[in-house]
Protein backbone atom coordinates (compact mmCIF):
# COMPACT_ATOMS: atom_id res chain seq x y z
CA MET A 1 -10.33 7.36 9.00
CA LYS A 2 -7.61 5.56 6.96
CA TYR A 3 -7.63 5.00 3.25
CA LYS A 4 -5.66 3.32 0.43
CA ILE A 5 -6.19 5.21 -2.81
CA THR A 6 -5.24 3.91 -6.22
CA HIS A 7 -5.56 6.44 -9.07
CA THR A 8 -4.86 4.84 -12.57
CA THR A 9 -4.78 7.06 -15.72
CA ARG A 10 -4.29 5.00 -19.11
CA TYR A 11 -3.60 6.63 -22.31
CA GLN A 12 -3.88 4.74 -25.67
CA TYR A 13 -2.55 6.04 -28.99
CA ALA A 14 -3.26 4.91 -32.52
CA ASP A 15 0.33 5.89 -33.47
CA ALA A 16 3.69 5.50 -31.64
CA VAL A 17 4.57 8.37 -29.30
CA PRO A 18 8.36 8.65 -29.54
CA VAL A 19 8.67 11.26 -26.50
CA CYS A 20 6.62 12.96 -23.82
CA HIS A 21 7.03 15.02 -20.87
CA ASN A 22 4.59 14.95 -17.95
CA LYS A 23 3.70 17.07 -14.87
CA VAL A 24 1.70 15.13 -12.17
CA HIS A 25 -0.40 16.42 -9.13
CA LEU A 26 -1.25 13.16 -7.45
CA ALA A 27 0.36 13.10 -4.09
CA PRO A 28 -1.94 13.95 -1.18
CA ARG A 29 -0.84 16.81 0.74
CA LYS A 30 -0.27 16.97 4.46
CA THR A 31 -2.77 19.36 6.24
CA ALA A 32 -3.89 20.10 9.82
CA THR A 33 -6.34 17.14 9.44
CA GLN A 34 -4.42 14.94 7.01
CA GLU A 35 -1.39 12.65 6.95
CA CYS A 36 -0.08 10.94 4.02
CA ASP A 37 2.07 7.70 5.42
CA GLN A 38 2.76 6.45 1.86
CA HIS A 39 2.79 7.58 -1.70
CA ARG A 40 4.20 5.73 -4.79
CA LEU A 41 3.84 6.78 -8.46
CA LEU A 42 4.08 3.89 -11.04
CA VAL A 43 4.83 4.83 -14.54
CA HIS A 44 4.84 2.36 -17.60
CA PRO A 45 6.93 2.43 -19.76
CA THR A 46 9.62 3.24 -17.41
CA PRO A 47 10.67 6.78 -17.68
CA ALA A 48 14.12 7.98 -18.79
CA ASP A 49 14.07 10.99 -16.38
CA ARG A 50 11.95 11.47 -13.24
CA ARG A 51 11.95 13.79 -10.44
CA LYS A 52 9.60 15.81 -7.90
CA ARG A 53 9.55 19.25 -6.02
CA PHE A 54 6.93 21.36 -4.31
CA ASP A 55 5.02 24.04 -6.28
CA TYR A 56 4.43 27.57 -5.16
CA PHE A 57 1.23 26.52 -3.27
CA GLY A 58 3.02 23.76 -1.47
CA ASN A 59 1.82 20.74 -3.34
CA GLN A 60 4.08 17.94 -4.46
CA VAL A 61 4.59 17.78 -8.21
CA ASP A 62 6.06 14.83 -9.83
CA TYR A 63 7.80 14.98 -13.40
CA PHE A 64 8.54 12.37 -15.88
CA ALA A 65 9.70 11.91 -19.24
CA ILE A 66 9.75 9.09 -21.56
CA HIS A 67 12.15 8.75 -24.66
CA ALA A 68 11.17 5.60 -26.01
CA ALA A 69 8.46 4.88 -28.59
CA HIS A 70 5.07 3.66 -26.95
CA ARG A 71 1.48 3.34 -27.78
CA GLU A 72 0.23 3.05 -24.35
CA LEU A 73 1.00 5.11 -21.08
CA THR A 74 -0.06 4.15 -17.80
CA VAL A 75 0.32 6.26 -14.51
CA THR A 76 -0.76 4.84 -11.25
CA ALA A 77 -0.67 6.70 -7.83
CA ILE A 78 -1.13 4.62 -4.72
CA SER A 79 -1.39 6.43 -1.41
CA ARG A 80 -2.26 5.66 2.18
CA ILE A 81 -3.53 8.34 4.37
CA GLU A 82 -5.32 9.17 7.50
CA VAL A 83 -8.01 11.88 7.64
CA ALA A 84 -9.29 13.41 10.80
CA PRO A 85 -12.52 15.58 11.01
CA PRO A 86 -12.05 19.31 10.97
CA PRO A 87 -12.58 21.32 14.33
CA PRO A 88 -16.18 22.32 14.78
CA ARG A 89 -16.97 26.01 13.81
CA ASP A 90 -19.89 28.27 14.45
CA PRO A 91 -20.65 29.97 11.23
CA ALA A 92 -22.68 32.82 13.04
CA ALA A 93 -19.49 33.41 15.21
CA THR A 94 -17.23 34.10 12.09
CA PRO A 95 -16.37 37.89 11.59
CA ALA A 96 -18.74 39.98 9.17
CA TRP A 97 -17.74 39.28 5.55
CA GLU A 98 -17.16 42.93 4.66
CA ARG A 99 -14.54 43.08 7.62
CA ILE A 100 -12.65 40.02 6.04
CA ALA A 101 -12.69 41.76 2.54
CA THR A 102 -11.55 45.17 3.96
CA GLU A 103 -8.68 43.34 5.84
CA LEU A 104 -7.57 41.45 2.83
CA ASN A 105 -7.37 44.66 0.86
CA THR A 106 -5.41 46.76 3.43
CA ASP A 107 -3.56 44.47 6.00
CA ARG A 108 -0.07 43.45 4.76
CA GLY A 109 0.43 40.81 7.34
CA LEU A 110 1.80 37.57 6.46
CA LEU A 111 -1.60 35.74 6.70
CA SER A 112 -3.51 38.40 4.91
CA LEU A 113 -0.86 38.47 2.27
CA GLU A 114 -0.87 34.84 1.57
CA ALA A 115 -4.63 34.96 1.32
CA TYR A 116 -4.99 37.79 -0.70
CA GLN A 117 -3.39 36.20 -3.74
CA PHE A 118 -6.78 34.17 -3.78
CA VAL A 119 -8.83 37.21 -4.27
CA LEU A 120 -7.33 38.00 -7.67
CA ASP A 121 -8.23 36.77 -11.11
CA SER A 122 -6.78 33.62 -12.27
CA GLN A 123 -6.60 31.88 -15.48
CA ARG A 124 -10.06 30.13 -15.45
CA VAL A 125 -11.74 32.29 -12.66
CA THR A 126 -12.52 36.10 -13.34
CA ARG A 127 -14.28 38.33 -11.19
CA SER A 128 -17.63 40.10 -12.49
CA SER A 129 -20.44 42.18 -11.41
CA THR A 130 -22.85 39.36 -12.64
CA LEU A 131 -21.28 36.91 -9.96
CA ALA A 132 -21.04 39.72 -7.34
CA VAL A 133 -24.85 40.20 -7.71
CA TYR A 134 -25.63 36.49 -7.47
CA ALA A 135 -23.52 36.23 -4.31
CA LYS A 136 -24.90 39.22 -2.54
CA LYS A 137 -28.31 37.46 -2.16
CA SER A 138 -26.38 35.52 0.52
CA PHE A 139 -23.83 38.05 1.64
CA LEU A 140 -26.28 40.59 3.25
CA PRO A 141 -24.70 43.54 4.99
CA GLY A 142 -23.03 42.56 8.37
CA ARG A 143 -23.53 38.84 7.93
CA PRO A 144 -20.98 36.57 9.28
CA VAL A 145 -18.71 35.27 6.47
CA LEU A 146 -19.16 31.58 7.14
CA GLU A 147 -22.69 31.67 7.52
CA ALA A 148 -23.12 33.54 4.19
CA ALA A 149 -20.80 31.24 2.37
CA ARG A 150 -22.74 28.19 3.66
CA GLU A 151 -25.74 29.66 2.04
CA LEU A 152 -24.05 30.49 -1.11
CA THR A 153 -22.92 26.69 -1.11
CA ALA A 154 -26.54 25.73 -0.88
CA ARG A 155 -27.62 27.84 -3.46
CA VAL A 156 -25.07 26.82 -5.90
CA HIS A 157 -26.09 23.31 -5.13
CA ALA A 158 -29.75 24.12 -5.78
CA ASP A 159 -29.39 26.33 -8.67
CA PHE A 160 -26.92 24.15 -10.74
CA VAL A 161 -27.53 20.85 -12.39
CA TYR A 162 -24.81 18.04 -12.15
CA ASP A 163 -24.44 16.87 -15.97
CA PRO A 164 -20.96 15.60 -16.97
CA ARG A 165 -22.23 16.03 -20.70
CA ALA A 166 -22.56 19.84 -20.37
CA THR A 167 -18.94 20.87 -20.01
CA THR A 168 -15.46 20.02 -20.72
CA VAL A 169 -12.28 20.99 -18.79
CA HIS A 170 -12.02 23.91 -21.07
CA SER A 171 -15.55 25.33 -20.49
CA ALA A 172 -15.46 29.09 -19.62
CA LEU A 173 -16.88 30.19 -16.25
CA GLU A 174 -19.30 32.43 -18.00
CA ASP A 175 -20.88 29.53 -20.08
CA VAL A 176 -21.23 27.39 -16.90
CA PHE A 177 -23.01 30.15 -14.98
CA ARG A 178 -25.06 31.07 -17.91
CA HIS A 179 -26.45 27.41 -18.54
CA ARG A 180 -26.24 26.43 -14.88
CA ARG A 181 -25.03 22.94 -15.61
CA GLY A 182 -21.65 21.26 -15.09
CA VAL A 183 -19.55 19.04 -12.85
CA CYS A 184 -17.71 19.56 -9.65
CA GLN A 185 -14.89 21.52 -11.27
CA ASP A 186 -17.49 24.01 -12.72
CA PHE A 187 -19.46 24.49 -9.62
CA ALA A 188 -16.24 25.12 -7.38
CA HIS A 189 -15.07 27.71 -10.03
CA VAL A 190 -18.65 29.44 -9.76
CA GLN A 191 -18.40 29.67 -6.03
CA ILE A 192 -14.83 30.70 -6.19
CA GLY A 193 -15.84 33.64 -8.85
CA CYS A 194 -18.64 34.73 -6.52
CA LEU A 195 -16.39 35.06 -3.49
CA ARG A 196 -13.69 36.88 -5.19
CA SER A 197 -16.21 39.12 -6.88
CA LEU A 198 -16.99 40.40 -3.35
CA GLY A 199 -13.26 40.88 -2.13
CA LEU A 200 -12.90 37.53 -0.39
CA ALA A 201 -10.26 34.90 -0.80
CA ALA A 202 -11.08 31.58 -2.13
CA ARG A 203 -9.10 28.67 -3.45
CA TYR A 204 -9.58 25.62 -5.42
CA VAL A 205 -9.37 22.18 -3.82
CA SER A 206 -8.88 19.04 -5.92
CA GLY A 207 -8.90 15.57 -4.36
CA TYR A 208 -11.24 12.60 -3.77
CA LEU A 209 -14.60 11.74 -2.22
CA ARG A 210 -15.34 8.31 -0.80
CA THR A 211 -18.45 6.91 -2.08
CA VAL A 212 -20.75 4.53 0.18
CA PRO A 213 -22.55 1.89 -1.64
CA PRO A 214 -26.40 1.31 -0.65
CA PRO A 215 -26.89 -0.96 2.16
CA GLY A 216 -26.45 -4.54 1.37
CA ARG A 217 -24.32 -3.85 -1.88
CA ALA A 218 -20.55 -4.36 -2.00
CA ARG A 219 -18.45 -1.31 -2.75
CA LEU A 220 -17.28 -1.28 -6.51
CA VAL A 221 -13.45 -1.13 -6.96
CA GLY A 222 -12.72 1.93 -9.15
CA ALA A 223 -16.06 3.41 -8.81
CA ASP A 224 -14.89 6.56 -6.79
CA ALA A 225 -13.86 9.70 -8.45
CA SER A 226 -11.47 12.71 -8.39
CA HIS A 227 -13.44 15.73 -6.82
CA ALA A 228 -13.18 19.33 -6.48
CA TRP A 229 -14.46 21.79 -3.84
CA VAL A 230 -13.85 25.19 -2.31
CA SER A 231 -11.87 26.71 0.60
CA ILE A 232 -12.70 30.15 1.88
CA TYR A 233 -10.49 32.54 3.98
CA CYS A 234 -12.45 33.42 7.25
CA GLY A 235 -9.85 35.63 8.94
CA ALA A 236 -9.11 34.43 12.46
CA ALA A 237 -11.43 31.38 11.84
CA GLY A 238 -8.94 30.39 9.12
CA TRP A 239 -9.65 28.36 5.87
CA VAL A 240 -12.76 26.43 5.84
CA ASP A 241 -13.59 23.91 3.14
CA LEU A 242 -17.08 23.89 1.41
CA ASP A 243 -18.47 21.51 -1.19
CA PRO A 244 -21.17 23.02 -3.54
CA THR A 245 -21.37 19.90 -5.39
CA ASN A 246 -22.83 17.94 -2.45
CA ASN A 247 -23.93 21.17 -0.35
CA MET A 248 -21.67 20.08 2.66
CA ILE A 249 -18.72 20.99 4.84
CA PRO A 250 -16.18 18.37 3.96
CA THR A 251 -15.15 16.05 6.79
CA THR A 252 -13.35 12.55 6.65
CA ASP A 253 -14.84 11.44 3.24
CA HIS A 254 -12.85 14.32 1.43
CA ILE A 255 -9.40 13.56 0.80
CA THR A 256 -7.11 16.55 -0.42
CA ILE A 257 -4.56 16.19 -3.10
CA ALA A 258 -3.67 19.99 -4.06
CA TRP A 259 -4.97 23.30 -3.88
CA GLY A 260 -4.28 26.51 -6.04
CA ARG A 261 -6.21 29.41 -7.64
CA ASP A 262 -8.18 27.08 -9.92
CA TYR A 263 -8.05 23.92 -12.01
CA SER A 264 -5.23 25.04 -14.09
CA ASP A 265 -2.78 25.08 -10.96
CA VAL A 266 -3.70 21.41 -9.88
CA CYS A 267 -4.49 19.44 -13.07
CA PRO A 268 -3.91 15.86 -12.17
CA ILE A 269 -1.95 15.07 -15.14
CA GLN A 270 -0.55 17.37 -17.90
CA GLY A 271 1.98 17.21 -20.33
CA VAL A 272 3.10 17.21 -24.15
CA TYR A 273 3.94 14.39 -26.41
CA VAL A 274 4.97 14.11 -30.10
CA GLY A 275 3.08 11.83 -32.62
CA GLY A 276 0.54 9.49 -31.42
CA GLY A 277 -2.39 10.25 -33.63
CA GLN A 278 -5.78 9.75 -32.22
CA GLN A 279 -5.88 9.07 -28.35
CA SER A 280 -8.07 7.75 -25.69
CA MET A 281 -7.88 8.22 -21.91
CA THR A 282 -9.47 6.05 -19.29
CA VAL A 283 -9.32 7.10 -15.30
CA SER A 284 -10.06 4.59 -12.42
CA VAL A 285 -10.08 5.79 -8.82
CA ASP A 286 -10.71 3.51 -5.90
CA VAL A 287 -10.68 4.94 -2.40
CA ALA A 288 -10.86 1.99 0.06
CA PRO A 289 -11.36 2.49 3.70
CA LEU A 290 -8.64 0.58 5.88
CA GLU A 291 -10.54 0.48 9.08
């Protein structure tokens, strides 16, 4: 599946902003099932300085700084990508989850070491006995890891209510779990916390989800959204993505931008600015199929 993705973020300020510095995760990354043919980052006003690099997790990061007074900042990322379906996997044929947890804790080979960092606590996801108890209802002794993780995905989807008003980007995992309400970012953090609390490796994936309009209705430009889901390490079966918000295994409707330990590692736009007073922000995302 081929797409053109346009992601526009607009900031408006009550007072002039004389200087700002920003870090951006908006470039789709190359994966085994995804290829980015073109990516452009358009910034207005024109930055005085801009550069890019790849972060610790292999995500492209763009930096820019504006040194001229402005009351509005617009950042637009335009990308053309191709996404292929992931290889089919039989959840029942994956190793027992205890075996994966033991190997992560003892094996010091390259693959296990790379995965082990996603077992540890991170800024927004802390392991706990409460999360472990919730997860163990799916992770019965000897159960195949992907089979259990797939059931956990379904349970999070069923037990938590999608409510954009219930949380903010700063909401604590404990509060989300207690109130059972939130958005895709929150559901991803909950499932990651559950998996890590059992000694399993799970990472946070940010990206986009193509929406399909009802039959007979035209798709709305800008109506798609940023999205987040989970990837779990399954040993020899590799990393497998799971979407607890929609209770599914992502295929060609999910476009990966970046991954890390949690949202803090892959925030789309973050930075600092001087002045500005009151500010407002609007975001428009358009995921347009090209075939």
